[in-house]
Protein backbone atom coordinates (compact mmCIF):
# COMPACT_ATOMS: atom_id res chain seq x y z
CA MET A 1 -100.58 97.18 82.42
CA ASN A 2 -103.87 99.08 82.43
CA THR A 3 -103.37 100.06 78.78
CA LEU A 4 -103.20 96.38 77.77
CA LYS A 5 -106.61 95.43 79.18
CA ASN A 6 -108.56 96.15 75.99
CA LYS A 7 -106.20 96.71 73.07
CA VAL A 8 -106.60 95.50 69.49
CA GLN A 9 -104.03 95.79 66.71
CA LEU A 10 -104.86 94.60 63.20
CA ILE A 11 -103.32 94.78 59.75
CA GLY A 12 -105.63 94.09 56.82
CA ASN A 13 -107.27 95.33 53.64
CA LEU A 14 -110.39 97.50 53.46
CA GLY A 15 -113.47 95.69 52.16
CA GLN A 16 -115.20 98.89 51.02
CA ASN A 17 -114.85 102.66 51.19
CA PRO A 18 -115.65 104.02 54.67
CA GLU A 19 -119.25 105.03 55.33
CA ILE A 20 -119.14 108.55 56.78
CA ILE A 21 -121.93 109.79 59.04
CA GLU A 22 -122.03 113.38 60.27
CA MET A 23 -123.75 113.78 63.63
CA ASP A 24 -125.99 116.74 64.50
CA SER A 25 -123.10 118.08 66.61
CA GLY A 26 -120.86 118.12 63.52
CA ARG A 27 -118.73 115.24 64.79
CA LYS A 28 -118.00 112.57 62.19
CA LEU A 29 -118.28 108.80 62.42
CA ALA A 30 -116.57 106.44 59.96
CA LYS A 31 -117.73 102.82 59.61
CA PHE A 32 -115.67 100.33 57.62
CA SER A 33 -114.34 96.78 57.69
CA ILE A 34 -111.03 95.10 57.05
CA ALA A 35 -110.10 91.54 56.15
CA THR A 36 -107.18 89.77 57.81
CA ASN A 37 -105.74 86.57 56.38
CA ASP A 38 -104.18 83.64 58.17
CA TYR A 39 -102.60 80.70 56.34
CA TYR A 40 -102.15 77.04 57.25
CA TYR A 41 -101.66 73.68 55.53
CA ASN A 42 -104.24 70.89 55.74
CA LYS A 43 -103.48 67.14 55.98
CA GLN A 44 -103.19 66.92 52.18
CA GLY A 45 -100.54 69.65 52.14
CA ASP A 46 -102.81 72.24 50.53
CA LYS A 47 -102.29 75.85 51.60
CA ILE A 48 -105.55 77.14 53.13
CA THR A 49 -106.38 80.83 53.55
CA ASP A 50 -108.57 81.74 56.51
CA THR A 51 -110.05 85.24 56.05
CA GLN A 52 -111.64 87.04 59.00
CA TRP A 53 -113.68 90.25 58.63
CA HIS A 54 -113.54 92.91 61.37
CA ASN A 55 -116.03 95.77 61.79
CA LEU A 56 -114.32 99.07 62.61
CA VAL A 57 -115.54 102.50 63.67
CA ALA A 58 -113.65 105.76 64.04
CA TRP A 59 -114.78 109.06 65.54
CA GLY A 60 -113.73 112.70 65.19
CA LYS A 61 -110.31 113.41 63.66
CA THR A 62 -109.68 109.69 63.06
CA ALA A 63 -112.95 109.52 61.08
CA GLU A 64 -111.89 112.56 59.05
CA ILE A 65 -108.59 110.83 58.19
CA ALA A 66 -110.51 107.70 57.16
CA GLU A 67 -112.83 109.78 54.97
CA LYS A 68 -109.96 111.57 53.25
CA PHE A 69 -107.45 108.75 52.71
CA LEU A 70 -109.04 105.29 52.95
CA GLU A 71 -110.53 103.42 50.01
CA LYS A 72 -111.50 99.86 49.19
CA GLY A 73 -108.54 97.50 48.92
CA LYS A 74 -106.01 99.65 50.79
CA GLU A 75 -103.84 97.90 53.35
CA ILE A 76 -103.99 99.57 56.77
CA ALA A 77 -102.87 98.99 60.34
CA ILE A 78 -105.21 100.02 63.15
CA GLU A 79 -105.05 100.20 66.91
CA GLY A 80 -108.11 100.48 69.09
CA LYS A 81 -110.36 98.76 71.60
CA LEU A 82 -112.93 96.00 71.25
CA THR A 83 -116.56 96.92 71.96
CA SER A 84 -119.88 95.10 71.78
CA ARG A 85 -123.36 96.59 71.51
CA SER A 86 -126.89 95.59 70.63
CA TYR A 87 -129.67 97.27 68.70
CA GLU A 88 -133.20 96.52 67.58
CA THR A 89 -134.21 96.26 63.91
CA LYS A 90 -137.36 97.85 62.48
CA GLU A 91 -138.98 94.41 62.78
CA GLY A 92 -138.21 94.32 66.51
CA GLU A 93 -135.41 91.74 66.32
CA LYS A 94 -132.49 92.24 68.69
CA ARG A 95 -129.08 92.19 66.97
CA TYR A 96 -125.60 92.14 68.45
CA ILE A 97 -122.42 93.53 66.93
CA THR A 98 -118.77 93.54 67.94
CA GLU A 99 -116.62 96.38 66.64
CA VAL A 100 -113.15 97.81 67.05
CA VAL A 101 -113.15 101.51 67.92
CA CYS A 102 -110.04 102.87 66.19
CA ASN A 103 -107.69 105.24 67.99
CA GLU A 104 -105.02 105.17 65.28
CA ILE A 105 -104.93 104.34 61.57
CA LEU A 106 -101.75 103.82 59.56
CA MET A 107 -101.82 103.49 55.77
CA LEU A 108 -99.60 100.71 54.41
CA GLY A 109 -98.83 99.19 51.01
CA ASN A 110 -99.38 100.53 47.53
CA LYS A 111 -102.97 99.55 46.73
């Protein structure tokens, strides 16, 4: 049960090509986002699409795979863990962000 404490699995489409950052150590970081869609019907019977955007990061070999194979619009499945962090802008404002740190990426679909 310990492996289920912080586990995220998502299937969605990439919103943009991954942003690749190479650290001083040579280790790579990939930042990207995916959209997941949920559907429901309102009182009038209209089909409503609810799109959620998820911020993702990948490190090391997973980042290298993202750099080589992922591009905007592709459908992917990911598995990882949910993390939250804060940072300060140049103007001194504190910002908070929630991200999924990817352990695995699986390419799906044709796009």
